[in-house]
PDB file of N, CA and C in Angstrom:
ATOM      1  N   MET A   1      -5.513 -12.894   2.493  1.00  0.00           N
ATOM      2  CA  MET A   1      -4.723 -11.867   1.790  1.00  0.00           C
ATOM      3  C   MET A   1      -3.560 -11.447   2.703  1.00  0.00           C
ATOM      4  N   ARG A   2      -2.448 -11.216   2.133  1.00  0.00           N
ATOM      5  CA  ARG A   2      -1.338 -10.676   2.951  1.00  0.00           C
ATOM      6  C   ARG A   2      -0.424  -9.861   2.065  1.00  0.00           C
ATOM      7  N   ALA A   3       0.287  -8.979   2.721  1.00  0.00           N
ATOM      8  CA  ALA A   3       1.279  -8.118   1.964  1.00  0.00           C
ATOM      9  C   ALA A   3       2.466  -8.970   1.589  1.00  0.00           C
ATOM     10  N   ASP A   4       3.012  -8.723   0.434  1.00  0.00           N
ATOM     11  CA  ASP A   4       4.144  -9.349  -0.099  1.00  0.00           C
ATOM     12  C   ASP A   4       5.169  -8.334  -0.563  1.00  0.00           C
ATOM     13  N   PRO A   5       6.070  -7.817   0.271  1.00  0.00           N
ATOM     14  CA  PRO A   5       7.011  -6.786  -0.053  1.00  0.00           C
ATOM     15  C   PRO A   5       7.941  -7.262  -1.209  1.00  0.00           C
ATOM     16  N   THR A   6       8.143  -8.541  -1.390  1.00  0.00           N
ATOM     17  CA  THR A   6       9.029  -9.027  -2.434  1.00  0.00           C
ATOM     18  C   THR A   6       8.368  -8.984  -3.799  1.00  0.00           C
ATOM     19  N   GLY A   7       7.064  -9.131  -3.831  1.00  0.00           N
ATOM     20  CA  GLY A   7       6.308  -9.178  -5.101  1.00  0.00           C
ATOM     21  C   GLY A   7       6.501 -10.524  -5.794  1.00  0.00           C
ATOM     22  N   ARG A   8       6.850 -11.584  -5.045  1.00  0.00           N
ATOM     23  CA  ARG A   8       7.119 -12.872  -5.650  1.00  0.00           C
ATOM     24  C   ARG A   8       6.172 -14.017  -5.296  1.00  0.00           C
ATOM     25  N   SER A   9       5.161 -13.719  -4.504  1.00  0.00           N
ATOM     26  CA  SER A   9       4.198 -14.759  -4.063  1.00  0.00           C
ATOM     27  C   SER A   9       3.356 -15.096  -5.294  1.00  0.00           C
ATOM     28  N   ASN A  10       2.829 -16.375  -5.312  1.00  0.00           N
ATOM     29  CA  ASN A  10       1.951 -16.779  -6.361  1.00  0.00           C
ATOM     30  C   ASN A  10       0.574 -16.130  -6.231  1.00  0.00           C
ATOM     31  N   GLY A  11      -0.064 -15.959  -7.371  1.00  0.00           N
ATOM     32  CA  GLY A  11      -1.415 -15.437  -7.340  1.00  0.00           C
ATOM     33  C   GLY A  11      -1.468 -13.955  -7.742  1.00  0.00           C
ATOM     34  N   ARG A  12      -2.687 -13.409  -7.820  1.00  0.00           N
ATOM     35  CA  ARG A  12      -2.807 -12.043  -8.226  1.00  0.00           C
ATOM     36  C   ARG A  12      -2.370 -11.120  -7.164  1.00  0.00           C
ATOM     37  N   GLY A  13      -1.740 -10.021  -7.514  1.00  0.00           N
ATOM     38  CA  GLY A  13      -1.222  -9.047  -6.643  1.00  0.00           C
ATOM     39  C   GLY A  13      -1.512  -7.630  -7.067  1.00  0.00           C
ATOM     40  N   ALA A  14      -1.286  -6.740  -6.240  1.00  0.00           N
ATOM     41  CA  ALA A  14      -1.455  -5.307  -6.565  1.00  0.00           C
ATOM     42  C   ALA A  14      -0.385  -4.461  -5.921  1.00  0.00           C
ATOM     43  N   TYR A  15       0.046  -3.389  -6.600  1.00  0.00           N
ATOM     44  CA  TYR A  15       1.003  -2.469  -6.105  1.00  0.00           C
ATOM     45  C   TYR A  15       0.396  -1.658  -5.011  1.00  0.00           C
ATOM     46  N   LEU A  16       1.059  -1.487  -3.828  1.00  0.00           N
ATOM     47  CA  LEU A  16       0.610  -0.673  -2.738  1.00  0.00           C
ATOM     48  C   LEU A  16       1.557   0.482  -2.569  1.00  0.00           C
ATOM     49  N   CYS A  17       1.046   1.692  -2.687  1.00  0.00           N
ATOM     50  CA  CYS A  17       1.874   2.925  -2.656  1.00  0.00           C
ATOM     51  C   CYS A  17       2.395   3.111  -1.258  1.00  0.00           C
ATOM     52  N   TYR A  18       3.521   3.820  -1.192  1.00  0.00           N
ATOM     53  CA  TYR A  18       4.150   4.213   0.106  1.00  0.00           C
ATOM     54  C   TYR A  18       3.591   5.492   0.698  1.00  0.00           C
ATOM     55  N   ARG A  19       2.666   6.082   0.008  1.00  0.00           N
ATOM     56  CA  ARG A  19       2.136   7.387   0.494  1.00  0.00           C
ATOM     57  C   ARG A  19       0.698   7.214   1.081  1.00  0.00           C
ATOM     58  N   ALA A  20       0.495   7.714   2.263  1.00  0.00           N
ATOM     59  CA  ALA A  20      -0.755   7.666   2.979  1.00  0.00           C
ATOM     60  C   ALA A  20      -1.851   8.233   2.146  1.00  0.00           C
ATOM     61  N   ALA A  21      -1.627   9.360   1.450  1.00  0.00           N
ATOM     62  CA  ALA A  21      -2.636   9.992   0.557  1.00  0.00           C
ATOM     63  C   ALA A  21      -3.121   8.985  -0.514  1.00  0.00           C
ATOM     64  N   CYS A  22      -2.251   8.213  -1.035  1.00  0.00           N
ATOM     65  CA  CYS A  22      -2.630   7.201  -2.101  1.00  0.00           C
ATOM     66  C   CYS A  22      -3.516   6.192  -1.487  1.00  0.00           C
ATOM     67  N   TRP A  23      -3.185   5.759  -0.267  1.00  0.00           N
ATOM     68  CA  TRP A  23      -4.045   4.753   0.420  1.00  0.00           C
ATOM     69  C   TRP A  23      -5.483   5.280   0.637  1.00  0.00           C
ATOM     70  N   GLU A  24      -5.580   6.506   1.115  1.00  0.00           N
ATOM     71  CA  GLU A  24      -6.885   7.072   1.370  1.00  0.00           C
ATOM     72  C   GLU A  24      -7.648   7.156   0.086  1.00  0.00           C
ATOM     73  N   LYS A  25      -7.071   7.665  -0.983  1.00  0.00           N
ATOM     74  CA  LYS A  25      -7.749   7.805  -2.253  1.00  0.00           C
ATOM     75  C   LYS A  25      -8.150   6.428  -2.803  1.00  0.00           C
ATOM     76  N   GLY A  26      -7.232   5.513  -2.680  1.00  0.00           N
ATOM     77  CA  GLY A  26      -7.454   4.084  -3.208  1.00  0.00           C
ATOM     78  C   GLY A  26      -8.647   3.404  -2.482  1.00  0.00           C
ATOM     79  N   LEU A  27      -8.683   3.619  -1.139  1.00  0.00           N
ATOM     80  CA  LEU A  27      -9.767   3.051  -0.403  1.00  0.00           C
ATOM     81  C   LEU A  27     -11.122   3.564  -0.793  1.00  0.00           C
ATOM     82  N   VAL A  28     -11.317   4.898  -1.010  1.00  0.00           N
ATOM     83  CA  VAL A  28     -12.507   5.498  -1.396  1.00  0.00           C
ATOM     84  C   VAL A  28     -12.842   5.032  -2.788  1.00  0.00           C
ATOM     85  N   ARG A  29     -11.919   4.910  -3.690  1.00  0.00           N
ATOM     86  CA  ARG A  29     -12.228   4.510  -5.072  1.00  0.00           C
ATOM     87  C   ARG A  29     -12.326   3.028  -5.292  1.00  0.00           C
ATOM     88  N   ARG A  30     -11.978   2.248  -4.255  1.00  0.00           N
ATOM     89  CA  ARG A  30     -12.042   0.792  -4.295  1.00  0.00           C
ATOM     90  C   ARG A  30     -11.089   0.216  -5.292  1.00  0.00           C
ATOM     91  N   ALA A  31      -9.932   0.887  -5.354  1.00  0.00           N
ATOM     92  CA  ALA A  31      -8.896   0.543  -6.384  1.00  0.00           C
ATOM     93  C   ALA A  31      -8.323  -0.893  -6.188  1.00  0.00           C
ATOM     94  N   LEU A  32      -8.210  -1.295  -4.898  1.00  0.00           N
ATOM     95  CA  LEU A  32      -7.639  -2.621  -4.622  1.00  0.00           C
ATOM     96  C   LEU A  32      -8.573  -3.733  -5.161  1.00  0.00           C
ATOM     97  N   GLU A  33      -9.828  -3.515  -4.994  1.00  0.00           N
ATOM     98  CA  GLU A  33     -10.784  -4.492  -5.514  1.00  0.00           C
ATOM     99  C   GLU A  33     -10.767  -4.612  -7.015  1.00  0.00           C
ATOM    100  N   ARG A  34     -10.616  -3.454  -7.681  1.00  0.00           N
ATOM    101  CA  ARG A  34     -10.467  -3.471  -9.142  1.00  0.00           C
ATOM    102  C   ARG A  34      -9.203  -4.133  -9.597  1.00  0.00           C
ATOM    103  N   SER A  35      -8.130  -3.883  -8.870  1.00  0.00           N
ATOM    104  CA  SER A  35      -6.799  -4.462  -9.263  1.00  0.00           C
ATOM    105  C   SER A  35      -6.843  -6.016  -9.060  1.00  0.00           C
ATOM    106  N   LEU A  36      -7.499  -6.419  -7.965  1.00  0.00           N
ATOM    107  CA  LEU A  36      -7.504  -7.844  -7.684  1.00  0.00           C
ATOM    108  C   LEU A  36      -8.672  -8.570  -8.401  1.00  0.00           C
ATOM    109  N   ARG A  37      -9.555  -7.719  -9.002  1.00  0.00           N
ATOM    110  CA  ARG A  37     -10.654  -8.306  -9.732  1.00  0.00           C
ATOM    111  C   ARG A  37     -11.641  -9.167  -8.856  1.00  0.00           C
ATOM    112  N   GLY A  38     -11.918  -8.609  -7.645  1.00  0.00           N
ATOM    113  CA  GLY A  38     -12.772  -9.315  -6.807  1.00  0.00           C
ATOM    114  C   GLY A  38     -12.996  -8.526  -5.434  1.00  0.00           C
ATOM    115  N   PRO A  39     -13.869  -8.981  -4.626  1.00  0.00           N
ATOM    116  CA  PRO A  39     -14.177  -8.220  -3.383  1.00  0.00           C
ATOM    117  C   PRO A  39     -12.994  -8.408  -2.423  1.00  0.00           C
ATOM    118  N   VAL A  40     -12.782  -7.423  -1.576  1.00  0.00           N
ATOM    119  CA  VAL A  40     -11.781  -7.467  -0.499  1.00  0.00           C
ATOM    120  C   VAL A  40     -12.570  -7.287   0.787  1.00  0.00           C
ATOM    121  N   SER A  41     -12.358  -8.211   1.705  1.00  0.00           N
ATOM    122  CA  SER A  41     -13.101  -8.065   2.993  1.00  0.00           C
ATOM    123  C   SER A  41     -12.544  -7.007   3.865  1.00  0.00           C
ATOM    124  N   ASN A  42     -13.426  -6.540   4.765  1.00  0.00           N
ATOM    125  CA  ASN A  42     -12.975  -5.535   5.734  1.00  0.00           C
ATOM    126  C   ASN A  42     -11.810  -6.025   6.570  1.00  0.00           C
ATOM    127  N   ASP A  43     -11.779  -7.320   6.919  1.00  0.00           N
ATOM    128  CA  ASP A  43     -10.655  -7.876   7.694  1.00  0.00           C
ATOM    129  C   ASP A  43      -9.348  -7.818   6.898  1.00  0.00           C
ATOM    130  N   ASP A  44      -9.450  -8.108   5.651  1.00  0.00           N
ATOM    131  CA  ASP A  44      -8.228  -7.994   4.783  1.00  0.00           C
ATOM    132  C   ASP A  44      -7.778  -6.583   4.675  1.00  0.00           C
ATOM    133  N   LEU A  45      -8.679  -5.628   4.513  1.00  0.00           N
ATOM    134  CA  LEU A  45      -8.349  -4.201   4.424  1.00  0.00           C
ATOM    135  C   LEU A  45      -7.687  -3.777   5.745  1.00  0.00           C
ATOM    136  N   ASP A  46      -8.272  -4.228   6.885  1.00  0.00           N
ATOM    137  CA  ASP A  46      -7.735  -3.790   8.197  1.00  0.00           C
ATOM    138  C   ASP A  46      -6.303  -4.425   8.344  1.00  0.00           C
ATOM    139  N   GLY A  47      -6.119  -5.600   7.874  1.00  0.00           N
ATOM    140  CA  GLY A  47      -4.739  -6.146   7.909  1.00  0.00           C
ATOM    141  C   GLY A  47      -3.767  -5.422   7.090  1.00  0.00           C
ATOM    142  N   LEU A  48      -4.166  -4.970   5.897  1.00  0.00           N
ATOM    143  CA  LEU A  48      -3.251  -4.207   5.023  1.00  0.00           C
ATOM    144  C   LEU A  48      -2.940  -2.827   5.614  1.00  0.00           C
ATOM    145  N   LYS A  49      -3.999  -2.213   6.172  1.00  0.00           N
ATOM    146  CA  LYS A  49      -3.793  -0.914   6.843  1.00  0.00           C
ATOM    147  C   LYS A  49      -2.801  -1.022   7.979  1.00  0.00           C
ATOM    148  N   ARG A  50      -2.943  -2.099   8.757  1.00  0.00           N
ATOM    149  CA  ARG A  50      -2.061  -2.337   9.865  1.00  0.00           C
ATOM    150  C   ARG A  50      -0.651  -2.562   9.396  1.00  0.00           C
ATOM    151  N   TYR A  51      -0.476  -3.290   8.293  1.00  0.00           N
ATOM    152  CA  TYR A  51       0.781  -3.525   7.688  1.00  0.00           C
ATOM    153  C   TYR A  51       1.487  -2.174   7.274  1.00  0.00           C
ATOM    154  N   PHE A  52       0.653  -1.351   6.699  1.00  0.00           N
ATOM    155  CA  PHE A  52       1.166  -0.075   6.202  1.00  0.00           C
ATOM    156  C   PHE A  52       1.577   0.820   7.352  1.00  0.00           C
ATOM    157  N   ILE A  53       0.825   0.794   8.411  1.00  0.00           N
ATOM    158  CA  ILE A  53       1.125   1.672   9.557  1.00  0.00           C
ATOM    159  C   ILE A  53       2.336   1.112  10.295  1.00  0.00           C
ATOM    160  N   GLU A  54       2.453  -0.169  10.495  1.00  0.00           N
ATOM    161  CA  GLU A  54       3.545  -0.832  11.188  1.00  0.00           C
ATOM    162  C   GLU A  54       4.864  -0.853  10.492  1.00  0.00           C
ATOM    163  N   THR A  55       4.824  -0.971   9.139  1.00  0.00           N
ATOM    164  CA  THR A  55       6.089  -1.118   8.448  1.00  0.00           C
ATOM    165  C   THR A  55       6.415   0.063   7.526  1.00  0.00           C
ATOM    166  N   ILE A  56       5.550   0.366   6.628  1.00  0.00           N
ATOM    167  CA  ILE A  56       5.877   1.394   5.608  1.00  0.00           C
ATOM    168  C   ILE A  56       5.873   2.793   6.227  1.00  0.00           C
ATOM    169  N   ALA A  57       4.769   3.201   6.849  1.00  0.00           N
ATOM    170  CA  ALA A  57       4.708   4.547   7.455  1.00  0.00           C
ATOM    171  C   ALA A  57       5.711   4.756   8.476  1.00  0.00           C
ATOM    172  N   SER A  58       5.873   3.755   9.321  1.00  0.00           N
ATOM    173  CA  SER A  58       6.867   3.922  10.454  1.00  0.00           C
ATOM    174  C   SER A  58       8.297   4.086   9.942  1.00  0.00           C
ATOM    175  N   SER A  59       8.633   3.387   8.838  1.00  0.00           N
ATOM    176  CA  SER A  59       9.987   3.486   8.361  1.00  0.00           C
ATOM    177  C   SER A  59      10.250   4.829   7.641  1.00  0.00           C
ATOM    178  N   VAL A  60       9.247   5.334   7.012  1.00  0.00           N
ATOM    179  CA  VAL A  60       9.372   6.593   6.366  1.00  0.00           C
ATOM    180  C   VAL A  60       9.493   7.727   7.460  1.00  0.00           C
ATOM    181  N   TYR A  61       8.757   7.673   8.425  1.00  0.00           N
ATOM    182  CA  TYR A  61       8.824   8.708   9.497  1.00  0.00           C
ATOM    183  C   TYR A  61      10.045   8.521  10.340  1.00  0.00           C
ATOM    184  N   ALA A  62      10.523   7.263  10.545  1.00  0.00           N
ATOM    185  CA  ALA A  62      11.665   6.988  11.417  1.00  0.00           C
ATOM    186  C   ALA A  62      12.898   7.582  10.812  1.00  0.00           C
ATOM    187  N   THR A  63      13.036   7.596   9.498  1.00  0.00           N
ATOM    188  CA  THR A  63      14.275   8.128   8.864  1.00  0.00           C
ATOM    189  C   THR A  63      14.307   9.634   8.996  1.00  0.00           C
ATOM    190  N   GLY A  64      13.116  10.305   9.045  1.00  0.00           N
ATOM    191  CA  GLY A  64      13.101  11.694   9.129  1.00  0.00           C
ATOM    192  C   GLY A  64      13.355  12.393   7.790  1.00  0.00           C
ATOM    193  N   SER A  65      13.716  11.622   6.795  1.00  0.00           N
ATOM    194  CA  SER A  65      14.118  12.251   5.547  1.00  0.00           C
ATOM    195  C   SER A  65      12.925  12.219   4.502  1.00  0.00           C
ATOM    196  N   GLY A  66      12.054  11.197   4.680  1.00  0.00           N
ATOM    197  CA  GLY A  66      10.949  11.113   3.710  1.00  0.00           C
ATOM    198  C   GLY A  66      11.424  10.735   2.352  1.00  0.00           C
ATOM    199  N   ALA A  67      12.557  10.037   2.249  1.00  0.00           N
ATOM    200  CA  ALA A  67      13.191   9.690   1.017  1.00  0.00           C
ATOM    201  C   ALA A  67      12.244   8.794   0.135  1.00  0.00           C
ATOM    202  N   ALA A  68      11.512   7.933   0.822  1.00  0.00           N
ATOM    203  CA  ALA A  68      10.544   6.965   0.126  1.00  0.00           C
ATOM    204  C   ALA A  68       9.423   7.872  -0.530  1.00  0.00           C
ATOM    205  N   ASP A  69       9.025   8.859   0.244  1.00  0.00           N
ATOM    206  CA  ASP A  69       7.926   9.676  -0.240  1.00  0.00           C
ATOM    207  C   ASP A  69       8.392  10.602  -1.444  1.00  0.00           C
ATOM    208  N   ARG A  70       9.605  11.061  -1.331  1.00  0.00           N
ATOM    209  CA  ARG A  70      10.078  11.881  -2.452  1.00  0.00           C
ATOM    210  C   ARG A  70      10.343  11.060  -3.712  1.00  0.00           C
ATOM    211  N   ALA A  71      10.765   9.798  -3.533  1.00  0.00           N
ATOM    212  CA  ALA A  71      11.013   8.911  -4.648  1.00  0.00           C
ATOM    213  C   ALA A  71       9.665   8.590  -5.311  1.00  0.00           C
ATOM    214  N   ALA A  72       8.625   8.313  -4.539  1.00  0.00           N
ATOM    215  CA  ALA A  72       7.334   8.027  -5.042  1.00  0.00           C
ATOM    216  C   ALA A  72       6.780   9.232  -5.843  1.00  0.00           C
ATOM    217  N   ARG A  73       6.961  10.418  -5.345  1.00  0.00           N
ATOM    218  CA  ARG A  73       6.519  11.613  -6.098  1.00  0.00           C
ATOM    219  C   ARG A  73       7.306  11.738  -7.422  1.00  0.00           C
ATOM    220  N   GLY A  74       8.596  11.476  -7.381  1.00  0.00           N
ATOM    221  CA  GLY A  74       9.373  11.547  -8.584  1.00  0.00           C
ATOM    222  C   GLY A  74       8.956  10.482  -9.652  1.00  0.00           C
ATOM    223  N   ALA A  75       8.509   9.340  -9.172  1.00  0.00           N
ATOM    224  CA  ALA A  75       8.087   8.343 -10.116  1.00  0.00           C
ATOM    225  C   ALA A  75       6.775   8.663 -10.777  1.00  0.00           C
ATOM    226  N   GLU A  76       5.955   9.564 -10.199  1.00  0.00           N
ATOM    227  CA  GLU A  76       4.676   9.948 -10.698  1.00  0.00           C
ATOM    228  C   GLU A  76       4.829  10.879 -11.900  1.00  0.00           C
ATOM    229  N   ARG A  77       5.918  11.534 -11.991  1.00  0.00           N
ATOM    230  CA  ARG A  77       6.015  12.609 -13.062  1.00  0.00           C
ATOM    231  C   ARG A  77       6.359  12.011 -14.365  1.00  0.00           C
TER     232      ARG A  77
END
């Protein structure tokens, strides 16, 4: 399993939110397993968490604006 920021890889995929709170809630509710319709190994989850921390979270905090977070909140309404 790997992250695909373009959304164009073959196979089943799932949307991954840009907000840390969504990740925490999704992990508890096992949302990724439901979306992918199958079990997700701990190694795969660790890899996705690492991807989130290294790319998504760091880019949101690096800008100092939180624009991605505000855009995500606006899309929820």
